[in-house]
Amino acid sequence: MHPSATSSAPDTAGDEATSSSPASVPGSPVSLSRSTGKLRPLQLAAIIFLTVSGGPYGLEPLFTYVGDHGALLLLLVTPVLWDVPTILTVLELNSMMPVTGGYYQWVKHALGIRWAFYEGWWTWLYTFVDLAIYPVLFVGYAAFFFPEIAIYKVPVCLAIIWSSALLNILGIVPVGKASLFLGTLVLTPFLILFIVLLTKHTAPLSIPTPSIKGLGFSPIALGLYTVMWNFIGWDNATTYAGEVARPVRSYLVSVCIAFALIVLVYLLSALAVHQSGINPGVLNEGGFPVLGVLAAGRWLGILLAAGGMASTMGLYSAVLLSVSRVPQVMANDNLLPAKLCTLHRRFNTPYISIITSSAIVSILILWTFSDLVIMDIILYGAGLSLEFIALITLRIKEPFRGRPFRIPLNNTGLFLMFLLPMCVYSIALSGTIYASERMAIPVFFALGMLFSAELIWRAILWRNPHLATVKTLE
């Protein structure tokens, strides 16, 4: 059983430890003990891959901003500065507390119920915004087959949203199996593209020199923003740790597989764009299917368009899986309506939470793609900062607690490591505002969403005044 915010926890670090949230107490209405199955490492790696990446789809604007040389540099540097600190933080915290609720439970244990609510609220909002992006992208890639589909954007997006909701209600193992299938559909067309460009293209193989020479601050920042968005979501995959077989080992293996695969696919995609000689504006307008047509003909364009559709479907389903578990544990702490805790009688999944999430996303699809991406990163960065603080806090307050995975740095080293993603975050955000006055609208709207956490928290305290006395770990 996971500890409450008012007491220290026993060591739950080992794989043999009970991987459940506070909601898994026998007799609790939200018990997960009746789970119909557990995720295995390969299934988990597929879900993480689709949660974070879903393939190179969405990278197309990068080449417009910074060109081939700048794109290769950002794809080499950003994972080190932005992703590696995040991944290491997630692995250590998850090895200590492999529980359903993931990042929410970590922050709750380290910083208390108030900051846990902030973490859960911000990440919930960020994931809603993130989810709204994928149906819109689906329509864009489907337009390769049916150009007139743009007219029916809203009903097509709604069909994707609610079909994914049904899949998630059926349970986590079906999502895992579907992720394996969709991951294969995403990667196969790009593998063919790489082979075609390497073996059949008339130009000799050329690797661009990584460089941002001659580029201004604004395009670099926008390019950085694009890469960051294609590398976020590592912590989302921990919210269902209680439904993973041997979670500590499984997450370590699966995250390493997913990270290596994502970086490799992105780099190969950048090389493919450079090798083809395609105009960045044409690529940005038509996406990777246009590159496929240029490299081998319409048949490869069809495969890449189908892969883009599979990518967005897989991303949506995998991310919905993560967001639907957080309201469940927050409701158990009286931070959200208890109705969200309700589990499906047959499939034992939080179907009310899934339906609620899907309803909110159905409204957000009315925003533009660029606005959604801006809000996405702002909200994500705020929640990520609390996870960094939670890790240092637990290092100080629970130095002897078991950590099967431990970052080989002291507290000062951790602080310096955390500065890296925060600097990347600040550069990208400031560059986005500087690029266009219109960009300030989603920025300030996202900041308003961040501040809404305090207003909702005050309303919660008014209804549940006892929460004000809940303390952090002693």
Protein backbone atom coordinates (compact mmCIF):
# COMPACT_ATOMS: atom_id res chain seq x y z
CA MET A 1 0.00 0.00 0.00
CA HIS A 2 1.28 3.44 -0.85
CA PRO A 3 1.76 5.73 2.16
CA SER A 4 -0.43 8.67 2.89
CA ALA A 5 1.05 12.14 2.74
CA THR A 6 1.31 12.23 6.51
CA SER A 7 3.58 9.27 7.07
CA SER A 8 6.77 7.74 5.82
CA ALA A 9 6.53 4.85 3.42
CA PRO A 10 7.94 1.41 3.70
CA ASP A 11 10.35 0.42 0.99
CA THR A 12 8.41 -0.50 -2.14
CA ALA A 13 11.34 -0.31 -4.47
CA GLY A 14 11.76 -3.93 -5.39
CA ASP A 15 9.88 -5.65 -8.15
CA GLU A 16 8.37 -7.93 -5.57
CA ALA A 17 6.81 -4.98 -3.82
CA THR A 18 3.13 -4.33 -4.24
CA SER A 19 2.70 -2.10 -7.25
CA SER A 20 -0.47 -0.30 -6.40
CA SER A 21 -1.73 3.07 -5.48
CA PRO A 22 -3.50 4.03 -2.29
CA ALA A 23 -6.59 3.10 -4.20
CA SER A 24 -5.61 -0.55 -4.16
CA VAL A 25 -6.47 -1.17 -0.53
CA PRO A 26 -8.66 -4.25 -0.28
CA GLY A 27 -12.27 -3.20 -0.19
CA SER A 28 -11.61 0.15 -1.83
CA PRO A 29 -14.05 1.01 -4.60
CA VAL A 30 -11.11 1.74 -6.87
CA SER A 31 -9.10 -1.41 -6.18
CA LEU A 32 -6.95 -2.55 -9.05
CA SER A 33 -6.40 -5.99 -7.58
CA ARG A 34 -8.83 -7.50 -10.07
CA SER A 35 -6.67 -6.44 -13.00
CA THR A 36 -7.27 -8.62 -16.01
CA GLY A 37 -3.60 -8.61 -17.04
CA LYS A 38 -0.17 -7.06 -16.68
CA LEU A 39 1.93 -5.28 -19.25
CA ARG A 40 5.19 -6.94 -20.32
CA PRO A 41 8.39 -5.02 -21.22
CA LEU A 42 7.92 -5.18 -25.00
CA GLN A 43 4.30 -4.01 -24.75
CA LEU A 44 5.37 -1.28 -22.32
CA ALA A 45 8.18 -0.17 -24.65
CA ALA A 46 5.64 0.11 -27.48
CA ILE A 47 3.29 2.21 -25.33
CA ILE A 48 6.19 4.47 -24.21
CA PHE A 49 7.34 4.85 -27.81
CA LEU A 50 3.84 5.91 -28.85
CA THR A 51 3.37 8.09 -25.76
CA VAL A 52 6.58 10.05 -26.37
CA SER A 53 7.08 9.89 -30.12
CA GLY A 54 4.96 7.86 -32.48
CA GLY A 55 7.66 8.19 -35.13
CA PRO A 56 9.03 11.27 -36.93
CA TYR A 57 5.55 12.56 -37.75
CA GLY A 58 5.42 16.15 -36.50
CA LEU A 59 9.09 16.89 -37.16
CA GLU A 60 8.37 18.41 -40.59
CA PRO A 61 8.35 22.09 -39.44
CA LEU A 62 11.83 21.64 -37.94
CA PHE A 63 13.50 21.70 -41.36
CA THR A 64 11.68 24.90 -42.29
CA TYR A 65 12.97 26.62 -39.15
CA VAL A 66 16.62 25.54 -39.09
CA GLY A 67 17.35 23.56 -42.26
CA ASP A 68 19.04 20.16 -42.55
CA HIS A 69 22.20 21.10 -40.65
CA GLY A 70 20.39 22.78 -37.77
CA ALA A 71 17.87 19.95 -37.55
CA LEU A 72 20.59 17.34 -37.14
CA LEU A 73 22.30 19.39 -34.41
CA LEU A 74 19.09 19.93 -32.44
CA LEU A 75 18.16 16.25 -32.74
CA LEU A 76 21.58 15.32 -31.34
CA VAL A 77 21.73 17.89 -28.53
CA THR A 78 18.12 18.19 -27.32
CA PRO A 79 17.75 14.57 -26.13
CA VAL A 80 20.85 15.00 -23.96
CA LEU A 81 19.78 18.31 -22.42
CA TRP A 82 16.00 17.84 -22.34
CA ASP A 83 15.29 14.10 -22.19
CA VAL A 84 18.13 12.41 -20.33
CA PRO A 85 17.62 14.39 -17.06
CA THR A 86 13.88 13.71 -17.30
CA ILE A 87 14.34 10.00 -17.97
CA LEU A 88 16.84 9.58 -15.12
CA THR A 89 14.47 11.38 -12.74
CA VAL A 90 11.54 9.23 -13.79
CA LEU A 91 13.54 6.00 -13.45
CA GLU A 92 14.77 6.79 -9.94
CA LEU A 93 11.40 7.95 -8.63
CA ASN A 94 9.61 5.03 -10.25
CA SER A 95 12.11 2.56 -8.78
CA MET A 96 11.28 3.96 -5.33
CA MET A 97 7.53 4.07 -5.85
CA PRO A 98 6.28 1.94 -8.77
CA VAL A 99 2.64 2.78 -8.13
CA THR A 100 -0.45 3.67 -10.10
CA GLY A 101 -0.59 7.47 -10.28
CA GLY A 102 3.13 7.81 -10.96
CA TYR A 103 4.28 11.42 -10.83
CA TYR A 104 1.26 12.49 -8.75
CA GLN A 105 2.15 9.99 -6.03
CA TRP A 106 5.83 10.97 -6.06
CA VAL A 107 5.07 14.66 -5.57
CA LYS A 108 2.44 13.88 -2.94
CA HIS A 109 4.88 11.78 -0.94
CA ALA A 110 7.70 14.32 -1.19
CA LEU A 111 5.97 17.72 -1.12
CA GLY A 112 2.50 17.13 0.26
CA ILE A 113 -1.06 17.07 -0.97
CA ARG A 114 -1.19 20.68 -2.21
CA TRP A 115 1.73 20.35 -4.61
CA ALA A 116 0.51 16.92 -5.62
CA PHE A 117 -2.73 18.57 -6.69
CA TYR A 118 -0.75 21.14 -8.68
CA GLU A 119 1.20 18.34 -10.34
CA GLY A 120 -1.90 16.34 -11.15
CA TRP A 121 -3.89 19.36 -12.32
CA TRP A 122 -1.14 20.78 -14.54
CA THR A 123 -0.35 17.43 -16.07
CA TRP A 124 -4.02 16.67 -16.58
CA LEU A 125 -4.41 19.96 -18.46
CA TYR A 126 -1.21 19.41 -20.45
CA THR A 127 -2.34 15.95 -21.49
CA PHE A 128 -5.74 17.22 -22.62
CA VAL A 129 -3.95 19.74 -24.83
CA ASP A 130 -1.56 17.07 -26.07
CA LEU A 131 -4.40 14.69 -26.86
CA ALA A 132 -6.21 17.31 -28.92
CA ILE A 133 -3.23 17.55 -31.29
CA TYR A 134 -3.31 13.97 -32.55
CA PRO A 135 -6.79 13.79 -34.14
CA VAL A 136 -5.94 17.01 -35.99
CA LEU A 137 -2.71 15.46 -37.29
CA PHE A 138 -4.65 12.34 -38.29
CA VAL A 139 -6.88 14.41 -40.53
CA GLY A 140 -3.81 16.02 -42.10
CA TYR A 141 -2.28 12.68 -43.07
CA ALA A 142 -5.63 11.22 -44.14
CA ALA A 143 -5.92 14.15 -46.57
CA PHE A 144 -3.23 12.45 -48.67
CA PHE A 145 -5.89 9.88 -49.58
CA PHE A 146 -9.00 12.05 -49.32
CA PRO A 147 -8.24 15.78 -49.76
CA GLU A 148 -11.87 16.64 -49.05
CA ILE A 149 -11.66 15.11 -45.55
CA ALA A 150 -10.66 18.51 -44.15
CA ILE A 151 -14.28 19.53 -44.51
CA TYR A 152 -15.22 16.78 -42.05
CA LYS A 153 -12.39 17.49 -39.61
CA VAL A 154 -14.56 17.71 -36.49
CA PRO A 155 -16.58 14.50 -36.95
CA VAL A 156 -13.43 12.56 -37.93
CA CYS A 157 -11.61 13.86 -34.84
CA LEU A 158 -14.56 12.92 -32.65
CA ALA A 159 -14.59 9.40 -34.12
CA ILE A 160 -10.91 8.98 -33.20
CA ILE A 161 -11.44 10.34 -29.70
CA TRP A 162 -14.33 8.07 -28.82
CA SER A 163 -13.02 4.92 -30.49
CA SER A 164 -9.82 5.32 -28.44
CA ALA A 165 -11.94 5.82 -25.33
CA LEU A 166 -13.63 2.48 -26.00
CA LEU A 167 -10.25 0.75 -26.45
CA ASN A 168 -9.01 2.14 -23.13
CA ILE A 169 -12.16 1.05 -21.34
CA LEU A 170 -11.51 -2.50 -22.56
CA GLY A 171 -8.28 -2.53 -20.54
CA ILE A 172 -4.52 -1.92 -20.52
CA VAL A 173 -3.47 -5.20 -22.17
CA PRO A 174 -5.54 -4.52 -25.32
CA VAL A 175 -3.91 -1.08 -25.43
CA GLY A 176 -0.48 -2.71 -25.12
CA LYS A 177 -1.18 -5.16 -27.94
CA ALA A 178 -2.63 -2.41 -30.12
CA SER A 179 0.47 -0.30 -29.45
CA LEU A 180 2.74 -3.09 -30.69
CA PHE A 181 0.70 -3.34 -33.88
CA LEU A 182 0.52 0.43 -34.43
CA GLY A 183 4.23 0.83 -33.64
CA THR A 184 5.03 -1.65 -36.41
CA LEU A 185 2.81 0.27 -38.84
CA VAL A 186 4.60 3.50 -37.94
CA LEU A 187 8.17 2.23 -38.31
CA THR A 188 7.87 -0.01 -41.38
CA PRO A 189 7.27 2.78 -43.97
CA PHE A 190 10.24 4.76 -42.64
CA LEU A 191 12.45 1.68 -42.76
CA ILE A 192 11.49 1.29 -46.43
CA LEU A 193 12.14 5.01 -47.01
CA PHE A 194 15.62 4.78 -45.50
CA ILE A 195 16.50 1.72 -47.59
CA VAL A 196 15.22 3.33 -50.80
CA LEU A 197 17.15 6.55 -50.26
CA LEU A 198 20.34 4.70 -49.36
CA THR A 199 20.26 2.16 -52.17
CA LYS A 200 18.34 3.63 -55.08
CA HIS A 201 18.86 7.38 -54.88
CA THR A 202 21.19 8.71 -57.57
CA ALA A 203 23.03 11.15 -55.31
CA PRO A 204 25.92 9.81 -53.19
CA LEU A 205 25.31 9.37 -49.48
CA SER A 206 25.79 12.68 -47.70
CA ILE A 207 25.66 13.51 -44.00
CA PRO A 208 25.07 17.17 -43.15
CA THR A 209 27.41 18.87 -40.70
CA PRO A 210 25.47 19.66 -37.51
CA SER A 211 25.42 23.45 -37.30
CA ILE A 212 23.21 26.45 -36.52
CA LYS A 213 25.62 28.94 -38.05
CA GLY A 214 23.85 31.90 -39.59
CA LEU A 215 20.52 31.21 -37.91
CA GLY A 216 18.77 33.79 -35.77
CA PHE A 217 17.53 33.27 -32.20
CA SER A 218 13.88 32.99 -33.18
CA PRO A 219 14.18 30.14 -35.73
CA ILE A 220 16.53 28.25 -33.40
CA ALA A 221 14.03 28.60 -30.56
CA LEU A 222 11.13 27.50 -32.75
CA GLY A 223 13.14 24.54 -34.00
CA LEU A 224 14.03 23.67 -30.42
CA TYR A 225 10.37 23.92 -29.48
CA THR A 226 9.49 21.46 -32.26
CA VAL A 227 12.08 18.93 -31.12
CA MET A 228 11.05 19.28 -27.47
CA TRP A 229 7.43 18.54 -28.35
CA ASN A 230 8.54 15.40 -30.15
CA PHE A 231 10.40 14.23 -27.03
CA ILE A 232 7.92 14.79 -24.17
CA GLY A 233 5.87 12.34 -22.14
CA TRP A 234 8.34 10.03 -20.35
CA ASP A 235 6.64 10.51 -16.98
CA ASN A 236 3.18 9.84 -18.43
CA ALA A 237 4.09 6.20 -18.83
CA THR A 238 4.43 5.75 -15.06
CA THR A 239 0.83 6.50 -14.11
CA TYR A 240 -0.17 2.87 -14.65
CA ALA A 241 2.90 1.27 -12.99
CA GLY A 242 0.55 -0.77 -10.80
CA GLU A 243 -0.59 -2.54 -13.97
CA VAL A 244 2.91 -3.50 -15.15
CA ALA A 245 4.57 -6.83 -14.43
CA ARG A 246 7.79 -6.34 -12.41
CA PRO A 247 7.56 -2.56 -12.83
CA VAL A 248 11.07 -1.50 -11.78
CA ARG A 249 12.89 -3.78 -14.20
CA SER A 250 10.24 -3.42 -16.90
CA TYR A 251 10.41 0.37 -16.90
CA LEU A 252 14.21 0.43 -17.00
CA VAL A 253 14.33 -1.94 -19.98
CA SER A 254 11.38 -0.41 -21.79
CA VAL A 255 12.49 3.21 -21.42
CA CYS A 256 15.97 2.40 -22.71
CA ILE A 257 14.52 0.58 -25.73
CA ALA A 258 12.06 3.40 -26.49
CA PHE A 259 14.66 6.17 -26.09
CA ALA A 260 17.21 4.49 -28.35
CA LEU A 261 14.56 3.76 -30.96
CA ILE A 262 13.16 7.30 -30.93
CA VAL A 263 16.55 8.98 -31.28
CA LEU A 264 17.59 6.58 -34.05
CA VAL A 265 14.39 7.07 -36.05
CA TYR A 266 14.59 10.86 -35.74
CA LEU A 267 18.23 10.98 -36.85
CA LEU A 268 17.58 8.67 -39.79
CA SER A 269 14.62 10.83 -40.79
CA ALA A 270 16.82 13.93 -40.78
CA LEU A 271 19.36 12.13 -42.95
CA ALA A 272 16.58 11.00 -45.30
CA VAL A 273 15.35 14.58 -45.72
CA HIS A 274 18.89 15.77 -46.45
CA GLN A 275 19.59 12.92 -48.87
CA SER A 276 16.40 13.52 -50.83
CA GLY A 277 17.07 17.22 -51.36
CA ILE A 278 13.38 18.05 -50.82
CA ASN A 279 12.44 21.69 -50.30
CA PRO A 280 11.69 22.26 -46.57
CA GLY A 281 8.57 24.26 -47.43
CA VAL A 282 7.19 21.43 -49.54
CA LEU A 283 7.94 18.94 -46.76
CA ASN A 284 6.23 21.13 -44.19
CA GLU A 285 3.16 21.53 -46.38
CA GLY A 286 2.73 17.90 -47.44
CA GLY A 287 4.50 16.01 -44.68
CA PHE A 288 6.57 12.85 -44.98
CA PRO A 289 4.16 11.27 -47.53
CA VAL A 290 5.42 13.86 -50.06
CA LEU A 291 8.98 12.74 -49.32
CA GLY A 292 7.91 9.16 -49.96
CA VAL A 293 6.44 10.10 -53.33
CA LEU A 294 9.66 11.92 -54.26
CA ALA A 295 11.85 8.99 -53.20
CA ALA A 296 9.99 6.02 -54.68
CA GLY A 297 6.59 6.98 -56.00
CA ARG A 298 3.02 7.21 -54.76
CA TRP A 299 3.06 3.72 -53.21
CA LEU A 300 5.59 4.82 -50.58
CA GLY A 301 3.68 8.04 -50.04
CA ILE A 302 0.61 5.93 -49.31
CA LEU A 303 2.55 3.83 -46.79
CA LEU A 304 3.90 6.91 -45.02
CA ALA A 305 0.46 8.53 -44.91
CA ALA A 306 -0.98 5.33 -43.45
CA GLY A 307 1.88 5.30 -40.94
CA GLY A 308 1.06 8.88 -39.96
CA MET A 309 -2.54 7.91 -39.33
CA ALA A 310 -1.42 4.89 -37.27
CA SER A 311 1.01 7.11 -35.35
CA THR A 312 -1.65 9.61 -34.32
CA MET A 313 -4.05 6.81 -33.35
CA GLY A 314 -1.36 5.10 -31.28
CA LEU A 315 -0.26 8.32 -29.61
CA TYR A 316 -3.81 9.21 -28.71
CA SER A 317 -4.63 5.82 -27.22
CA ALA A 318 -1.34 5.56 -25.29
CA VAL A 319 -1.57 9.10 -23.85
CA LEU A 320 -5.25 8.63 -22.91
CA LEU A 321 -4.18 5.52 -21.01
CA SER A 322 -1.87 7.62 -18.85
CA VAL A 323 -4.19 10.58 -18.22
CA SER A 324 -7.17 8.42 -17.25
CA ARG A 325 -5.29 6.95 -14.24
CA VAL A 326 -4.36 10.27 -12.59
CA PRO A 327 -7.93 11.52 -11.88
CA GLN A 328 -8.58 8.12 -10.34
CA VAL A 329 -5.94 8.55 -7.60
CA MET A 330 -6.66 12.27 -7.17
CA ALA A 331 -10.33 11.53 -6.58
CA ASN A 332 -9.31 8.99 -3.95
CA ASP A 333 -7.61 11.88 -2.10
CA ASN A 334 -10.78 14.03 -2.28
CA LEU A 335 -9.18 16.37 -4.82
CA LEU A 336 -11.60 15.49 -7.62
CA PRO A 337 -15.18 14.13 -7.55
CA ALA A 338 -15.32 10.56 -6.23
CA LYS A 339 -17.36 9.53 -9.25
CA LEU A 340 -14.12 9.57 -11.26
CA CYS A 341 -12.98 6.56 -9.18
CA THR A 342 -15.69 4.33 -10.58
CA LEU A 343 -14.32 1.22 -12.27
CA HIS A 344 -16.05 -0.70 -15.03
CA ARG A 345 -17.70 -3.81 -13.59
CA ARG A 346 -16.31 -6.09 -16.27
CA PHE A 347 -13.02 -4.53 -17.40
CA ASN A 348 -11.96 -2.94 -14.08
CA THR A 349 -10.87 0.28 -15.80
CA PRO A 350 -11.65 3.90 -14.74
CA TYR A 351 -14.26 4.39 -17.42
CA ILE A 352 -15.77 7.56 -15.94
CA SER A 353 -12.33 9.18 -15.99
CA ILE A 354 -11.79 8.03 -19.58
CA ILE A 355 -15.17 9.38 -20.69
CA THR A 356 -14.57 12.71 -18.90
CA SER A 357 -11.13 13.10 -20.47
CA SER A 358 -12.52 12.33 -23.91
CA ALA A 359 -15.29 14.90 -23.52
CA ILE A 360 -12.81 17.66 -22.66
CA VAL A 361 -10.53 16.77 -25.57
CA SER A 362 -13.55 16.87 -27.88
CA ILE A 363 -13.75 20.60 -27.15
CA LEU A 364 -10.01 21.34 -27.41
CA ILE A 365 -9.75 20.09 -31.02
CA LEU A 366 -11.16 23.48 -32.04
CA TRP A 367 -7.76 25.09 -31.28
CA THR A 368 -5.10 25.32 -33.99
CA PHE A 369 -2.15 22.93 -34.08
CA SER A 370 0.48 25.61 -33.34
CA ASP A 371 -1.47 27.03 -30.39
CA LEU A 372 -1.91 23.57 -28.88
CA VAL A 373 1.80 22.80 -29.14
CA ILE A 374 2.76 26.04 -27.38
CA MET A 375 0.35 25.40 -24.50
CA ASP A 376 1.50 21.80 -24.37
CA ILE A 377 5.15 22.60 -23.61
CA ILE A 378 4.36 25.35 -21.09
CA LEU A 379 2.11 23.11 -19.00
CA TYR A 380 4.44 20.12 -19.31
CA GLY A 381 7.49 22.09 -18.17
CA ALA A 382 5.69 23.32 -15.05
CA GLY A 383 4.74 19.81 -13.97
CA LEU A 384 8.21 18.49 -14.78
CA SER A 385 9.81 21.06 -12.46
CA LEU A 386 7.83 19.65 -9.52
CA GLU A 387 9.12 16.16 -10.28
CA PHE A 388 12.70 17.45 -10.19
CA ILE A 389 12.03 19.12 -6.81
CA ALA A 390 10.41 15.93 -5.51
CA LEU A 391 13.49 13.88 -6.37
CA ILE A 392 15.86 16.20 -4.48
CA THR A 393 13.43 16.39 -1.54
CA LEU A 394 13.30 12.59 -1.25
CA ARG A 395 17.08 12.38 -1.51
CA ILE A 396 17.28 14.68 1.52
CA LYS A 397 14.38 13.30 3.58
CA GLU A 398 14.75 9.61 2.75
CA PRO A 399 18.44 9.09 1.97
CA PHE A 400 18.40 5.42 3.01
CA ARG A 401 15.26 4.36 1.22
CA GLY A 402 15.80 1.59 -1.32
CA ARG A 403 16.44 2.79 -4.85
CA PRO A 404 17.01 -0.07 -7.32
CA PHE A 405 17.88 2.66 -9.81
CA ARG A 406 19.82 5.65 -8.48
CA ILE A 407 21.21 8.55 -10.48
CA PRO A 408 24.99 8.56 -9.74
CA LEU A 409 25.01 12.21 -8.65
CA ASN A 410 24.88 13.98 -5.29
CA ASN A 411 22.31 16.67 -4.56
CA THR A 412 24.45 19.44 -6.08
CA GLY A 413 24.94 17.37 -9.20
CA LEU A 414 21.20 16.76 -9.42
CA PHE A 415 20.52 20.48 -9.19
CA LEU A 416 22.97 21.22 -11.99
CA MET A 417 21.46 18.42 -14.07
CA PHE A 418 17.99 19.89 -13.62
CA LEU A 419 19.20 23.27 -14.88
CA LEU A 420 19.78 21.77 -18.32
CA PRO A 421 16.13 21.05 -19.24
CA MET A 422 14.99 24.25 -17.53
CA CYS A 423 17.38 26.32 -19.68
CA VAL A 424 16.12 24.56 -22.82
CA TYR A 425 12.56 25.27 -21.69
CA SER A 426 13.29 28.97 -21.12
CA ILE A 427 15.05 29.45 -24.46
CA ALA A 428 12.25 27.80 -26.41
CA LEU A 429 9.52 29.74 -24.60
CA SER A 430 11.18 33.14 -24.95
CA GLY A 431 11.97 32.49 -28.60
CA THR A 432 8.35 31.59 -29.29
CA ILE A 433 7.09 34.86 -27.81
CA TYR A 434 9.76 36.81 -29.65
CA ALA A 435 8.89 35.19 -32.99
CA SER A 436 5.39 36.61 -33.27
CA GLU A 437 2.98 38.73 -31.25
CA ARG A 438 0.20 36.28 -32.10
CA MET A 439 2.17 33.53 -30.34
CA ALA A 440 1.69 35.44 -27.07
CA ILE A 441 -2.01 34.54 -27.04
CA PRO A 442 -1.59 30.79 -26.38
CA VAL A 443 1.34 31.56 -24.06
CA PHE A 444 -0.74 33.75 -21.78
CA PHE A 445 -3.68 31.38 -22.03
CA ALA A 446 -1.42 28.54 -20.88
CA LEU A 447 -0.13 30.68 -18.00
CA GLY A 448 -3.74 31.28 -17.02
CA MET A 449 -4.27 27.52 -17.03
CA LEU A 450 -1.29 27.19 -14.67
CA PHE A 451 -2.69 29.78 -12.26
CA SER A 452 -6.08 28.05 -12.32
CA ALA A 453 -4.54 25.37 -10.09
CA GLU A 454 -4.48 27.77 -7.13
CA LEU A 455 -8.11 28.79 -7.67
CA ILE A 456 -9.27 25.18 -7.83
CA TRP A 457 -7.15 24.34 -4.78
CA ARG A 458 -8.88 27.09 -2.78
CA ALA A 459 -12.26 25.71 -3.80
CA ILE A 460 -11.17 22.22 -2.70
CA LEU A 461 -10.05 23.54 0.69
CA TRP A 462 -13.41 25.25 1.13
CA ARG A 463 -15.15 21.88 0.69
CA ASN A 464 -12.47 19.79 2.45
CA PRO A 465 -10.80 22.04 5.07
CA HIS A 466 -9.02 19.05 6.64
CA LEU A 467 -6.67 18.93 3.64
CA ALA A 468 -4.99 22.12 4.88
CA THR A 469 -3.57 20.14 7.82
CA VAL A 470 -2.06 17.36 5.72
CA LYS A 471 1.72 17.54 6.03
CA THR A 472 4.62 16.39 3.94
CA LEU A 473 6.98 13.63 5.01
CA GLU A 474 8.66 14.24 8.33
